Structures are given as structure tokens and as C-alpha cells.
Amino acid sequence: MENEADPAAAIRRLVRWAITPPQSYAVYFLALVLVAGLSFYAGSLAPKKPSGLGPPPVSAPRN
């Protein structure tokens, strides 16, 4: 008999449930929204400004 308290069996049941057609559309949509949201969040973060480095170096001498 299969042990129902086994964590691997629970994960297998969840995956089997998630890949059936009605639920798979919802799982795909949820993953798409999650990736889009994280991409938007990562793109909206301000870059860290360096501190204490002084003025930027001059690339060409002035004439």
C-alpha cells in the first residue's frame, strides 16, 4: 500500500493535478503573470549609485 504521508507522493499528486487540461491553463496563466510581474518589478528598481569614488575619469584631454 502507498504511504499517504510521503512528501514525494504529495508533490507527485500536485503535479499530476496541475498538468490536467483545465488546471494547466490556470497554472500557465499564473506563471505568466508571475514572470511578468517580477520582470516589471526588477525593471523598476533604481540602480545603486556609487559613493566616495570622486569625479569620473576624463576620457580625452581637453584642448
PDB file of N, CA and C in Angstrom:
ATOM      1  N   MET A   1       0.827  -1.191   0.000  1.00  0.00           N
ATOM      2  CA  MET A   1       0.000   0.000   0.000  1.00  0.00           C
ATOM      3  C   MET A   1       0.874   1.259   0.000  1.00  0.00           C
ATOM      4  N   GLU A   2       0.375   2.287  -0.609  1.00  0.00           N
ATOM      5  CA  GLU A   2       1.138   3.529  -0.718  1.00  0.00           C
ATOM      6  C   GLU A   2       1.006   4.345   0.560  1.00  0.00           C
ATOM      7  N   ASN A   3       2.105   4.923   0.993  1.00  0.00           N
ATOM      8  CA  ASN A   3       2.100   5.758   2.185  1.00  0.00           C
ATOM      9  C   ASN A   3       1.586   7.141   1.801  1.00  0.00           C
ATOM     10  N   GLU A   4       0.480   7.563   2.394  1.00  0.00           N
ATOM     11  CA  GLU A   4      -0.139   8.853   2.051  1.00  0.00           C
ATOM     12  C   GLU A   4       0.592  10.031   2.691  1.00  0.00           C
ATOM     13  N   ALA A   5       1.408   9.794   3.701  1.00  0.00           N
ATOM     14  CA  ALA A   5       2.110  10.883   4.378  1.00  0.00           C
ATOM     15  C   ALA A   5       3.442  11.205   3.699  1.00  0.00           C
ATOM     16  N   ASP A   6       3.796  10.470   2.671  1.00  0.00           N
ATOM     17  CA  ASP A   6       5.061  10.675   1.971  1.00  0.00           C
ATOM     18  C   ASP A   6       5.052  12.014   1.230  1.00  0.00           C
ATOM     19  N   PRO A   7       6.027  12.905   1.490  1.00  0.00           N
ATOM     20  CA  PRO A   7       6.049  14.206   0.802  1.00  0.00           C
ATOM     21  C   PRO A   7       6.217  14.073  -0.710  1.00  0.00           C
ATOM     22  N   ALA A   8       6.981  13.090  -1.164  1.00  0.00           N
ATOM     23  CA  ALA A   8       7.169  12.920  -2.599  1.00  0.00           C
ATOM     24  C   ALA A   8       5.857  12.544  -3.276  1.00  0.00           C
ATOM     25  N   ALA A   9       5.041  11.743  -2.597  1.00  0.00           N
ATOM     26  CA  ALA A   9       3.743  11.359  -3.157  1.00  0.00           C
ATOM     27  C   ALA A   9       2.818  12.566  -3.242  1.00  0.00           C
ATOM     28  N   ALA A  10       2.891  13.442  -2.263  1.00  0.00           N
ATOM     29  CA  ALA A  10       2.060  14.649  -2.283  1.00  0.00           C
ATOM     30  C   ALA A  10       2.465  15.562  -3.436  1.00  0.00           C
ATOM     31  N   ILE A  11       3.753  15.688  -3.657  1.00  0.00           N
ATOM     32  CA  ILE A  11       4.239  16.525  -4.766  1.00  0.00           C
ATOM     33  C   ILE A  11       3.813  15.916  -6.098  1.00  0.00           C
ATOM     34  N   ARG A  12       3.935  14.574  -6.208  1.00  0.00           N
ATOM     35  CA  ARG A  12       3.517  13.897  -7.437  1.00  0.00           C
ATOM     36  C   ARG A  12       2.025  14.098  -7.702  1.00  0.00           C
ATOM     37  N   ARG A  13       1.210  14.024  -6.644  1.00  0.00           N
ATOM     38  CA  ARG A  13      -0.235  14.253  -6.812  1.00  0.00           C
ATOM     39  C   ARG A  13      -0.512  15.680  -7.250  1.00  0.00           C
ATOM     40  N   LEU A  14       0.209  16.639  -6.686  1.00  0.00           N
ATOM     41  CA  LEU A  14       0.025  18.043  -7.060  1.00  0.00           C
ATOM     42  C   LEU A  14       0.411  18.279  -8.513  1.00  0.00           C
ATOM     43  N   VAL A  15       1.534  17.703  -8.943  1.00  0.00           N
ATOM     44  CA  VAL A  15       1.966  17.860 -10.334  1.00  0.00           C
ATOM     45  C   VAL A  15       0.972  17.194 -11.269  1.00  0.00           C
ATOM     46  N   ARG A  16       0.507  15.998 -10.901  1.00  0.00           N
ATOM     47  CA  ARG A  16      -0.470  15.298 -11.739  1.00  0.00           C
ATOM     48  C   ARG A  16      -1.767  16.118 -11.845  1.00  0.00           C
ATOM     49  N   TRP A  17      -2.165  16.769 -10.739  1.00  0.00           N
ATOM     50  CA  TRP A  17      -3.360  17.604 -10.765  1.00  0.00           C
ATOM     51  C   TRP A  17      -3.125  18.844 -11.641  1.00  0.00           C
ATOM     52  N   ALA A  18      -1.922  19.429 -11.561  1.00  0.00           N
ATOM     53  CA  ALA A  18      -1.646  20.683 -12.261  1.00  0.00           C
ATOM     54  C   ALA A  18      -1.513  20.511 -13.762  1.00  0.00           C
ATOM     55  N   ILE A  19      -1.190  19.303 -14.246  1.00  0.00           N
ATOM     56  CA  ILE A  19      -0.999  19.139 -15.688  1.00  0.00           C
ATOM     57  C   ILE A  19      -2.237  18.623 -16.397  1.00  0.00           C
ATOM     58  N   THR A  20      -3.344  18.463 -15.690  1.00  0.00           N
ATOM     59  CA  THR A  20      -4.585  18.101 -16.377  1.00  0.00           C
ATOM     60  C   THR A  20      -5.129  19.346 -17.060  1.00  0.00           C
ATOM     61  N   PRO A  21      -5.809  19.188 -18.185  1.00  0.00           N
ATOM     62  CA  PRO A  21      -6.150  20.342 -19.024  1.00  0.00           C
ATOM     63  C   PRO A  21      -6.846  21.536 -18.359  1.00  0.00           C
ATOM     64  N   PRO A  22      -7.878  21.413 -17.592  1.00  0.00           N
ATOM     65  CA  PRO A  22      -8.456  22.667 -17.078  1.00  0.00           C
ATOM     66  C   PRO A  22      -7.511  23.428 -16.146  1.00  0.00           C
ATOM     67  N   GLN A  23      -6.818  22.693 -15.283  1.00  0.00           N
ATOM     68  CA  GLN A  23      -5.932  23.356 -14.339  1.00  0.00           C
ATOM     69  C   GLN A  23      -4.654  23.834 -15.011  1.00  0.00           C
ATOM     70  N   SER A  24      -4.215  23.169 -16.056  1.00  0.00           N
ATOM     71  CA  SER A  24      -2.958  23.556 -16.691  1.00  0.00           C
ATOM     72  C   SER A  24      -3.042  24.955 -17.295  1.00  0.00           C
ATOM     73  N   TYR A  25      -4.210  25.343 -17.778  1.00  0.00           N
ATOM     74  CA  TYR A  25      -4.367  26.701 -18.306  1.00  0.00           C
ATOM     75  C   TYR A  25      -4.213  27.730 -17.197  1.00  0.00           C
ATOM     76  N   ALA A  26      -4.787  27.455 -16.044  1.00  0.00           N
ATOM     77  CA  ALA A  26      -4.672  28.379 -14.913  1.00  0.00           C
ATOM     78  C   ALA A  26      -3.236  28.432 -14.394  1.00  0.00           C
ATOM     79  N   VAL A  27      -2.566  27.286 -14.327  1.00  0.00           N
ATOM     80  CA  VAL A  27      -1.179  27.244 -13.859  1.00  0.00           C
ATOM     81  C   VAL A  27      -0.284  28.019 -14.830  1.00  0.00           C
ATOM     82  N   TYR A  28      -0.485  27.850 -16.130  1.00  0.00           N
ATOM     83  CA  TYR A  28       0.305  28.565 -17.123  1.00  0.00           C
ATOM     84  C   TYR A  28       0.056  30.075 -17.013  1.00  0.00           C
ATOM     85  N   PHE A  29      -1.183  30.481 -16.877  1.00  0.00           N
ATOM     86  CA  PHE A  29      -1.511  31.901 -16.760  1.00  0.00           C
ATOM     87  C   PHE A  29      -0.905  32.490 -15.492  1.00  0.00           C
ATOM     88  N   LEU A  30      -0.971  31.746 -14.399  1.00  0.00           N
ATOM     89  CA  LEU A  30      -0.401  32.228 -13.145  1.00  0.00           C
ATOM     90  C   LEU A  30       1.112  32.384 -13.260  1.00  0.00           C
ATOM     91  N   ALA A  31       1.777  31.432 -13.911  1.00  0.00           N
ATOM     92  CA  ALA A  31       3.220  31.532 -14.105  1.00  0.00           C
ATOM     93  C   ALA A  31       3.562  32.716 -15.003  1.00  0.00           C
ATOM     94  N   LEU A  32       2.759  32.952 -16.038  1.00  0.00           N
ATOM     95  CA  LEU A  32       2.992  34.076 -16.938  1.00  0.00           C
ATOM     96  C   LEU A  32       2.852  35.409 -16.199  1.00  0.00           C
ATOM     97  N   VAL A  33       1.826  35.543 -15.380  1.00  0.00           N
ATOM     98  CA  VAL A  33       1.624  36.762 -14.603  1.00  0.00           C
ATOM     99  C   VAL A  33       2.754  36.948 -13.602  1.00  0.00           C
ATOM    100  N   LEU A  34       3.199  35.859 -12.980  1.00  0.00           N
ATOM    101  CA  LEU A  34       4.285  35.954 -12.018  1.00  0.00           C
ATOM    102  C   LEU A  34       5.586  36.403 -12.676  1.00  0.00           C
ATOM    103  N   VAL A  35       5.918  35.850 -13.817  1.00  0.00           N
ATOM    104  CA  VAL A  35       7.140  36.234 -14.527  1.00  0.00           C
ATOM    105  C   VAL A  35       7.041  37.688 -14.999  1.00  0.00           C
ATOM    106  N   ALA A  36       5.898  38.083 -15.528  1.00  0.00           N
ATOM    107  CA  ALA A  36       5.728  39.467 -15.984  1.00  0.00           C
ATOM    108  C   ALA A  36       5.822  40.442 -14.811  1.00  0.00           C
ATOM    109  N   GLY A  37       5.215  40.094 -13.700  1.00  0.00           N
ATOM    110  CA  GLY A  37       5.270  40.961 -12.519  1.00  0.00           C
ATOM    111  C   GLY A  37       6.674  41.100 -11.975  1.00  0.00           C
ATOM    112  N   LEU A  38       7.404  39.990 -11.897  1.00  0.00           N
ATOM    113  CA  LEU A  38       8.780  40.062 -11.416  1.00  0.00           C
ATOM    114  C   LEU A  38       9.675  40.833 -12.379  1.00  0.00           C
ATOM    115  N   SER A  39       9.444  40.688 -13.683  1.00  0.00           N
ATOM    116  CA  SER A  39      10.227  41.438 -14.663  1.00  0.00           C
ATOM    117  C   SER A  39       9.956  42.932 -14.546  1.00  0.00           C
ATOM    118  N   PHE A  40       8.694  43.287 -14.361  1.00  0.00           N
ATOM    119  CA  PHE A  40       8.349  44.699 -14.199  1.00  0.00           C
ATOM    120  C   PHE A  40       8.982  45.259 -12.931  1.00  0.00           C
ATOM    121  N   TYR A  41       8.911  44.475 -11.840  1.00  0.00           N
ATOM    122  CA  TYR A  41       9.489  44.927 -10.580  1.00  0.00           C
ATOM    123  C   TYR A  41      11.002  45.103 -10.705  1.00  0.00           C
ATOM    124  N   ALA A  42      11.671  44.149 -11.319  1.00  0.00           N
ATOM    125  CA  ALA A  42      13.122  44.239 -11.469  1.00  0.00           C
ATOM    126  C   ALA A  42      13.508  45.406 -12.369  1.00  0.00           C
ATOM    127  N   GLY A  43      12.695  45.708 -13.385  1.00  0.00           N
ATOM    128  CA  GLY A  43      12.984  46.819 -14.272  1.00  0.00           C
ATOM    129  C   GLY A  43      12.731  48.172 -13.641  1.00  0.00           C
ATOM    130  N   SER A  44      11.889  48.213 -12.610  1.00  0.00           N
ATOM    131  CA  SER A  44      11.565  49.491 -11.985  1.00  0.00           C
ATOM    132  C   SER A  44      12.520  49.843 -10.850  1.00  0.00           C
ATOM    133  N   LEU A  45      13.427  48.939 -10.488  1.00  0.00           N
ATOM    134  CA  LEU A  45      14.367  49.234  -9.411  1.00  0.00           C
ATOM    135  C   LEU A  45      15.413  50.243  -9.887  1.00  0.00           C
ATOM    136  N   ALA A  46      15.730  51.182  -9.043  1.00  0.00           N
ATOM    137  CA  ALA A  46      16.745  52.184  -9.376  1.00  0.00           C
ATOM    138  C   ALA A  46      18.123  51.579  -9.156  1.00  0.00           C
ATOM    139  N   PRO A  47      19.062  51.833 -10.073  1.00  0.00           N
ATOM    140  CA  PRO A  47      20.411  51.308  -9.871  1.00  0.00           C
ATOM    141  C   PRO A  47      21.080  51.994  -8.684  1.00  0.00           C
ATOM    142  N   LYS A  48      21.938  51.263  -8.016  1.00  0.00           N
ATOM    143  CA  LYS A  48      22.653  51.834  -6.870  1.00  0.00           C
ATOM    144  C   LYS A  48      23.729  52.787  -7.374  1.00  0.00           C
ATOM    145  N   LYS A  49      23.812  53.930  -6.747  1.00  0.00           N
ATOM    146  CA  LYS A  49      24.796  54.927  -7.139  1.00  0.00           C
ATOM    147  C   LYS A  49      26.083  54.682  -6.347  1.00  0.00           C
ATOM    148  N   PRO A  50      27.236  54.725  -7.004  1.00  0.00           N
ATOM    149  CA  PRO A  50      28.494  54.538  -6.270  1.00  0.00           C
ATOM    150  C   PRO A  50      28.752  55.739  -5.368  1.00  0.00           C
ATOM    151  N   SER A  51      29.323  55.491  -4.207  1.00  0.00           N
ATOM    152  CA  SER A  51      29.599  56.601  -3.291  1.00  0.00           C
ATOM    153  C   SER A  51      31.092  56.644  -2.974  1.00  0.00           C
ATOM    154  N   GLY A  52      31.640  57.849  -2.884  1.00  0.00           N
ATOM    155  CA  GLY A  52      33.021  58.032  -2.494  1.00  0.00           C
ATOM    156  C   GLY A  52      34.034  57.713  -3.576  1.00  0.00           C
ATOM    157  N   LEU A  53      33.668  57.692  -4.813  1.00  0.00           N
ATOM    158  CA  LEU A  53      34.611  57.387  -5.876  1.00  0.00           C
ATOM    159  C   LEU A  53      35.183  58.639  -6.527  1.00  0.00           C
ATOM    160  N   GLY A  54      34.640  59.784  -6.259  1.00  0.00           N
ATOM    161  CA  GLY A  54      35.141  61.010  -6.852  1.00  0.00           C
ATOM    162  C   GLY A  54      34.573  61.221  -8.240  1.00  0.00           C
ATOM    163  N   PRO A  55      35.101  62.235  -8.965  1.00  0.00           N
ATOM    164  CA  PRO A  55      34.587  62.518 -10.306  1.00  0.00           C
ATOM    165  C   PRO A  55      34.997  61.414 -11.281  1.00  0.00           C
ATOM    166  N   PRO A  56      34.236  61.237 -12.337  1.00  0.00           N
ATOM    167  CA  PRO A  56      34.593  60.207 -13.320  1.00  0.00           C
ATOM    168  C   PRO A  56      35.877  60.578 -14.052  1.00  0.00           C
ATOM    169  N   PRO A  57      36.636  59.617 -14.503  1.00  0.00           N
ATOM    170  CA  PRO A  57      37.894  59.921 -15.208  1.00  0.00           C
ATOM    171  C   PRO A  57      37.617  60.576 -16.562  1.00  0.00           C
ATOM    172  N   VAL A  58      38.568  61.394 -16.987  1.00  0.00           N
ATOM    173  CA  VAL A  58      38.456  62.079 -18.270  1.00  0.00           C
ATOM    174  C   VAL A  58      38.897  61.125 -19.374  1.00  0.00           C
ATOM    175  N   SER A  59      38.069  60.964 -20.404  1.00  0.00           N
ATOM    176  CA  SER A  59      38.409  60.014 -21.460  1.00  0.00           C
ATOM    177  C   SER A  59      39.361  60.624 -22.494  1.00  0.00           C
ATOM    178  N   ALA A  60      39.303  61.916 -22.697  1.00  0.00           N
ATOM    179  CA  ALA A  60      40.186  62.569 -23.678  1.00  0.00           C
ATOM    180  C   ALA A  60      40.665  63.886 -23.081  1.00  0.00           C
ATOM    181  N   PRO A  61      41.915  64.263 -23.349  1.00  0.00           N
ATOM    182  CA  PRO A  61      42.417  65.538 -22.810  1.00  0.00           C
ATOM    183  C   PRO A  61      41.708  66.730 -23.472  1.00  0.00           C
ATOM    184  N   ARG A  62      41.544  67.780 -22.695  1.00  0.00           N
ATOM    185  CA  ARG A  62      40.890  68.982 -23.223  1.00  0.00           C
ATOM    186  C   ARG A  62      41.907  69.844 -23.960  1.00  0.00           C
ATOM    187  N   ASN A  63      41.479  70.455 -25.057  1.00  0.00           N
ATOM    188  CA  ASN A  63      42.355  71.342 -25.848  1.00  0.00           C
ATOM    189  C   ASN A  63      41.923  72.760 -25.734  1.00  0.00           C
TER     190      ASN A  63
END
